[in-house]
Amino acid sequence: MTDLTPIDITQREFPRRFRGLDPVEVKTFLEGVAEELQRLLKENALKDERIQRLEGEVQSYRERENELKTTLFATQRMTDQMKDKVRKEADLILKDAELKAEKLLERAHLMLAQFQGKIADLKRQKALFEARIRAAIQLHQELLTAEAAEDASGPVEPKSPGTGA
């Protein structure tokens, strides 16, 4: 028997024999079997449709999953690239800041050296000024001493500065 259908079952005729089966019961049984087969075929067809629909959904979900995996991979790669770029930018900013700090420090050292030079120059000028003042004071003292001596004894010649007292 190949591809038995409900119509095959209901239209099947059996040869009659003496003392054979009750034809009405056989016909009723065959009709019941045909109805059950018809119901099972419909149920099977519905299940086949559902399987095809579900397989389509599974395929759609698999495609979505692949797209999500691809998107996730691309996002991860892009995130890694962005992290690398940010690290490089941070390194550049840090190096630039270090360079600027070195330049500022260099300028500060240069200014310090200039100030120290000016301070040393001012100290030399102060010492020279003090020496000149002392010499002037000494000259005035000698002049006062000479004047006092002249008043007491007569005119005395003043000594030149730097020759000693």
C-alpha atoms as a PDB file:
ATOM      1  CA  MET A   1       0.000   0.000   0.000  1.00  0.00           C
ATOM      2  CA  THR A   2       1.347   3.343  -0.984  1.00  0.00           C
ATOM      3  CA  ASP A   3      -0.054   6.759  -0.089  1.00  0.00           C
ATOM      4  CA  LEU A   4      -3.343   5.548   1.375  1.00  0.00           C
ATOM      5  CA  THR A   5      -5.997   8.269   1.319  1.00  0.00           C
ATOM      6  CA  PRO A   6      -9.361   8.438   3.078  1.00  0.00           C
ATOM      7  CA  ILE A   7     -11.125   8.098  -0.302  1.00  0.00           C
ATOM      8  CA  ASP A   8      -9.163   4.889  -0.995  1.00  0.00           C
ATOM      9  CA  ILE A   9     -10.398   3.499   2.298  1.00  0.00           C
ATOM     10  CA  THR A  10     -14.058   4.418   1.809  1.00  0.00           C
ATOM     11  CA  GLN A  11     -14.234   3.230  -1.803  1.00  0.00           C
ATOM     12  CA  ARG A  12     -12.409  -0.009  -1.230  1.00  0.00           C
ATOM     13  CA  GLU A  13     -14.546  -3.015  -2.121  1.00  0.00           C
ATOM     14  CA  PHE A  14     -13.814  -6.445  -0.832  1.00  0.00           C
ATOM     15  CA  PRO A  15     -14.897  -9.586  -2.575  1.00  0.00           C
ATOM     16  CA  ARG A  16     -17.796 -11.354  -0.949  1.00  0.00           C
ATOM     17  CA  ARG A  17     -17.515 -14.835   0.328  1.00  0.00           C
ATOM     18  CA  PHE A  18     -19.840 -17.161   1.854  1.00  0.00           C
ATOM     19  CA  ARG A  19     -20.162 -16.476   5.478  1.00  0.00           C
ATOM     20  CA  GLY A  20     -18.031 -13.442   5.076  1.00  0.00           C
ATOM     21  CA  LEU A  21     -17.965 -10.273   7.167  1.00  0.00           C
ATOM     22  CA  ASP A  22     -20.983  -8.055   7.667  1.00  0.00           C
ATOM     23  CA  PRO A  23     -20.673  -5.514   4.852  1.00  0.00           C
ATOM     24  CA  VAL A  24     -22.358  -2.749   6.869  1.00  0.00           C
ATOM     25  CA  GLU A  25     -19.935  -3.133   9.784  1.00  0.00           C
ATOM     26  CA  VAL A  26     -16.961  -3.268   7.453  1.00  0.00           C
ATOM     27  CA  LYS A  27     -18.239  -0.171   5.651  1.00  0.00           C
ATOM     28  CA  THR A  28     -18.814   1.673   8.963  1.00  0.00           C
ATOM     29  CA  PHE A  29     -15.380   0.671  10.240  1.00  0.00           C
ATOM     30  CA  LEU A  30     -13.704   1.742   7.018  1.00  0.00           C
ATOM     31  CA  GLU A  31     -15.528   5.091   7.102  1.00  0.00           C
ATOM     32  CA  GLY A  32     -14.311   5.602  10.706  1.00  0.00           C
ATOM     33  CA  VAL A  33     -10.771   4.714   9.698  1.00  0.00           C
ATOM     34  CA  ALA A  34     -11.065   7.087   6.703  1.00  0.00           C
ATOM     35  CA  GLU A  35     -12.285   9.923   8.970  1.00  0.00           C
ATOM     36  CA  GLU A  36      -9.464   9.292  11.443  1.00  0.00           C
ATOM     37  CA  LEU A  37      -6.935   9.201   8.603  1.00  0.00           C
ATOM     38  CA  GLN A  38      -8.401  12.431   7.212  1.00  0.00           C
ATOM     39  CA  ARG A  39      -8.106  14.075  10.641  1.00  0.00           C
ATOM     40  CA  LEU A  40      -4.539  12.851  11.047  1.00  0.00           C
ATOM     41  CA  LEU A  41      -3.594  14.091   7.569  1.00  0.00           C
ATOM     42  CA  LYS A  42      -5.031  17.534   8.336  1.00  0.00           C
ATOM     43  CA  GLU A  43      -3.269  17.583  11.696  1.00  0.00           C
ATOM     44  CA  ASN A  44      -0.049  16.487  10.025  1.00  0.00           C
ATOM     45  CA  ALA A  45      -0.441  19.232   7.376  1.00  0.00           C
ATOM     46  CA  LEU A  46      -1.021  21.830  10.119  1.00  0.00           C
ATOM     47  CA  LYS A  47       2.038  20.583  11.972  1.00  0.00           C
ATOM     48  CA  ASP A  48       4.104  20.705   8.762  1.00  0.00           C
ATOM     49  CA  GLU A  49       2.983  24.318   8.227  1.00  0.00           C
ATOM     50  CA  ARG A  50       3.846  25.162  11.830  1.00  0.00           C
ATOM     51  CA  ILE A  51       7.238  23.457  11.495  1.00  0.00           C
ATOM     52  CA  GLN A  52       7.973  25.430   8.329  1.00  0.00           C
ATOM     53  CA  ARG A  53       6.892  28.675  10.013  1.00  0.00           C
ATOM     54  CA  LEU A  54       8.994  27.904  13.101  1.00  0.00           C
ATOM     55  CA  GLU A  55      11.974  26.930  10.952  1.00  0.00           C
ATOM     56  CA  GLY A  56      11.590  30.267   9.163  1.00  0.00           C
ATOM     57  CA  GLU A  57      11.527  32.047  12.531  1.00  0.00           C
ATOM     58  CA  VAL A  58      14.568  30.081  13.694  1.00  0.00           C
ATOM     59  CA  GLN A  59      16.375  31.049  10.497  1.00  0.00           C
ATOM     60  CA  SER A  60      15.365  34.671  11.057  1.00  0.00           C
ATOM     61  CA  TYR A  61      16.635  34.494  14.648  1.00  0.00           C
ATOM     62  CA  ARG A  62      19.886  32.940  13.469  1.00  0.00           C
ATOM     63  CA  GLU A  63      20.324  35.747  10.947  1.00  0.00           C
ATOM     64  CA  ARG A  64      19.602  38.317  13.669  1.00  0.00           C
ATOM     65  CA  GLU A  65      22.039  36.551  15.984  1.00  0.00           C
ATOM     66  CA  ASN A  66      24.728  36.677  13.291  1.00  0.00           C
ATOM     67  CA  GLU A  67      23.992  40.358  12.692  1.00  0.00           C
ATOM     68  CA  LEU A  68      24.198  41.029  16.438  1.00  0.00           C
ATOM     69  CA  LYS A  69      27.461  39.110  16.675  1.00  0.00           C
ATOM     70  CA  THR A  70      28.851  41.067  13.741  1.00  0.00           C
ATOM     71  CA  THR A  71      27.641  44.346  15.246  1.00  0.00           C
ATOM     72  CA  LEU A  72      29.025  43.421  18.658  1.00  0.00           C
ATOM     73  CA  PHE A  73      32.379  42.491  17.140  1.00  0.00           C
ATOM     74  CA  ALA A  74      32.485  45.744  15.152  1.00  0.00           C
ATOM     75  CA  THR A  75      31.514  47.711  18.257  1.00  0.00           C
ATOM     76  CA  GLN A  76      34.205  45.980  20.304  1.00  0.00           C
ATOM     77  CA  ARG A  77      36.788  46.670  17.606  1.00  0.00           C
ATOM     78  CA  MET A  78      35.682  50.297  17.386  1.00  0.00           C
ATOM     79  CA  THR A  79      35.803  50.603  21.192  1.00  0.00           C
ATOM     80  CA  ASP A  80      39.329  49.184  21.223  1.00  0.00           C
ATOM     81  CA  GLN A  81      40.349  51.604  18.484  1.00  0.00           C
ATOM     82  CA  MET A  82      38.836  54.502  20.409  1.00  0.00           C
ATOM     83  CA  LYS A  83      40.664  53.421  23.575  1.00  0.00           C
ATOM     84  CA  ASP A  84      43.935  53.257  21.641  1.00  0.00           C
ATOM     85  CA  LYS A  85      43.292  56.665  20.130  1.00  0.00           C
ATOM     86  CA  VAL A  86      42.467  58.156  23.541  1.00  0.00           C
ATOM     87  CA  ARG A  87      45.618  56.607  25.034  1.00  0.00           C
ATOM     88  CA  LYS A  88      47.716  58.043  22.212  1.00  0.00           C
ATOM     89  CA  GLU A  89      46.090  61.455  22.613  1.00  0.00           C
ATOM     90  CA  ALA A  90      46.662  61.308  26.373  1.00  0.00           C
ATOM     91  CA  ASP A  91      50.302  60.391  25.795  1.00  0.00           C
ATOM     92  CA  LEU A  92      50.678  63.296  23.372  1.00  0.00           C
ATOM     93  CA  ILE A  93      49.037  65.698  25.822  1.00  0.00           C
ATOM     94  CA  LEU A  94      51.266  64.411  28.616  1.00  0.00           C
ATOM     95  CA  LYS A  95      54.412  64.752  26.491  1.00  0.00           C
ATOM     96  CA  ASP A  96      53.337  68.241  25.429  1.00  0.00           C
ATOM     97  CA  ALA A  97      52.708  69.202  29.056  1.00  0.00           C
ATOM     98  CA  GLU A  98      56.089  67.790  30.069  1.00  0.00           C
ATOM     99  CA  LEU A  99      57.766  69.736  27.262  1.00  0.00           C
ATOM    100  CA  LYS A 100      56.013  72.937  28.312  1.00  0.00           C
ATOM    101  CA  ALA A 101      56.945  72.292  31.943  1.00  0.00           C
ATOM    102  CA  GLU A 102      60.579  71.778  30.934  1.00  0.00           C
ATOM    103  CA  LYS A 103      60.532  75.036  28.957  1.00  0.00           C
ATOM    104  CA  LEU A 104      58.977  76.884  31.892  1.00  0.00           C
ATOM    105  CA  LEU A 105      61.543  75.388  34.241  1.00  0.00           C
ATOM    106  CA  GLU A 106      64.316  76.361  31.828  1.00  0.00           C
ATOM    107  CA  ARG A 107      62.981  79.924  31.696  1.00  0.00           C
ATOM    108  CA  ALA A 108      62.706  79.999  35.476  1.00  0.00           C
ATOM    109  CA  HIS A 109      66.316  78.830  35.811  1.00  0.00           C
ATOM    110  CA  LEU A 110      67.401  81.442  33.268  1.00  0.00           C
ATOM    111  CA  MET A 111      65.511  84.162  35.130  1.00  0.00           C
ATOM    112  CA  LEU A 112      67.002  82.939  38.410  1.00  0.00           C
ATOM    113  CA  ALA A 113      70.484  83.139  36.918  1.00  0.00           C
ATOM    114  CA  GLN A 114      69.728  86.642  35.625  1.00  0.00           C
ATOM    115  CA  PHE A 115      68.416  87.714  39.038  1.00  0.00           C
ATOM    116  CA  GLN A 116      71.432  86.192  40.743  1.00  0.00           C
ATOM    117  CA  GLY A 117      73.689  88.076  38.301  1.00  0.00           C
ATOM    118  CA  LYS A 118      71.817  91.316  39.010  1.00  0.00           C
ATOM    119  CA  ILE A 119      72.042  90.683  42.762  1.00  0.00           C
ATOM    120  CA  ALA A 120      75.778  90.051  42.470  1.00  0.00           C
ATOM    121  CA  ASP A 121      76.142  93.218  40.381  1.00  0.00           C
ATOM    122  CA  LEU A 122      74.129  95.189  42.942  1.00  0.00           C
ATOM    123  CA  LYS A 123      76.284  93.784  45.739  1.00  0.00           C
ATOM    124  CA  ARG A 124      79.413  94.902  43.848  1.00  0.00           C
ATOM    125  CA  GLN A 125      77.898  98.336  43.290  1.00  0.00           C
ATOM    126  CA  LYS A 126      76.963  98.498  46.997  1.00  0.00           C
ATOM    127  CA  ALA A 127      80.496  97.537  48.041  1.00  0.00           C
ATOM    128  CA  LEU A 128      81.952 100.129  45.632  1.00  0.00           C
ATOM    129  CA  PHE A 129      79.505 102.741  46.871  1.00  0.00           C
ATOM    130  CA  GLU A 130      80.345 101.905  50.506  1.00  0.00           C
ATOM    131  CA  ALA A 131      84.069 102.152  49.711  1.00  0.00           C
ATOM    132  CA  ARG A 132      83.550 105.535  48.057  1.00  0.00           C
ATOM    133  CA  ILE A 133      81.467 106.761  50.990  1.00  0.00           C
ATOM    134  CA  ARG A 134      84.123 105.548  53.440  1.00  0.00           C
ATOM    135  CA  ALA A 135      86.808 107.279  51.371  1.00  0.00           C
ATOM    136  CA  ALA A 136      84.751 110.461  51.284  1.00  0.00           C
ATOM    137  CA  ILE A 137      84.123 110.233  55.040  1.00  0.00           C
ATOM    138  CA  GLN A 138      87.789 109.627  55.644  1.00  0.00           C
ATOM    139  CA  LEU A 139      88.678 112.591  53.420  1.00  0.00           C
ATOM    140  CA  HIS A 140      86.235 114.791  55.280  1.00  0.00           C
ATOM    141  CA  GLN A 141      87.605 113.596  58.611  1.00  0.00           C
ATOM    142  CA  GLU A 142      91.101 114.355  57.451  1.00  0.00           C
ATOM    143  CA  LEU A 143      89.952 117.758  56.260  1.00  0.00           C
ATOM    144  CA  LEU A 144      88.251 118.389  59.591  1.00  0.00           C
ATOM    145  CA  THR A 145      91.324 117.179  61.429  1.00  0.00           C
ATOM    146  CA  ALA A 146      93.511 119.371  59.240  1.00  0.00           C
ATOM    147  CA  GLU A 147      91.234 122.345  59.765  1.00  0.00           C
ATOM    148  CA  ALA A 148      91.224 121.800  63.502  1.00  0.00           C
ATOM    149  CA  ALA A 149      95.001 121.562  63.477  1.00  0.00           C
ATOM    150  CA  GLU A 150      95.245 124.699  61.318  1.00  0.00           C
ATOM    151  CA  ASP A 151      93.064 126.537  63.724  1.00  0.00           C
ATOM    152  CA  ALA A 152      95.356 125.416  66.480  1.00  0.00           C
ATOM    153  CA  SER A 153      98.728 125.848  64.788  1.00  0.00           C
ATOM    154  CA  GLY A 154      98.367 127.261  61.370  1.00  0.00           C
ATOM    155  CA  PRO A 155      97.739 125.937  57.846  1.00  0.00           C
ATOM    156  CA  VAL A 156      98.346 122.198  57.224  1.00  0.00           C
ATOM    157  CA  GLU A 157      98.209 120.469  53.868  1.00  0.00           C
ATOM    158  CA  PRO A 158      95.599 117.736  53.488  1.00  0.00           C
ATOM    159  CA  LYS A 159      96.684 114.220  52.594  1.00  0.00           C
ATOM    160  CA  SER A 160      95.454 112.774  49.372  1.00  0.00           C
ATOM    161  CA  PRO A 161      92.890 109.971  49.702  1.00  0.00           C
ATOM    162  CA  GLY A 162      94.234 106.470  49.650  1.00  0.00           C
ATOM    163  CA  THR A 163      97.753 107.296  50.864  1.00  0.00           C
ATOM    164  CA  GLY A 164      97.026 106.306  54.425  1.00  0.00           C
ATOM    165  CA  ALA A 165      96.567 108.245  57.588  1.00  0.00           C
END
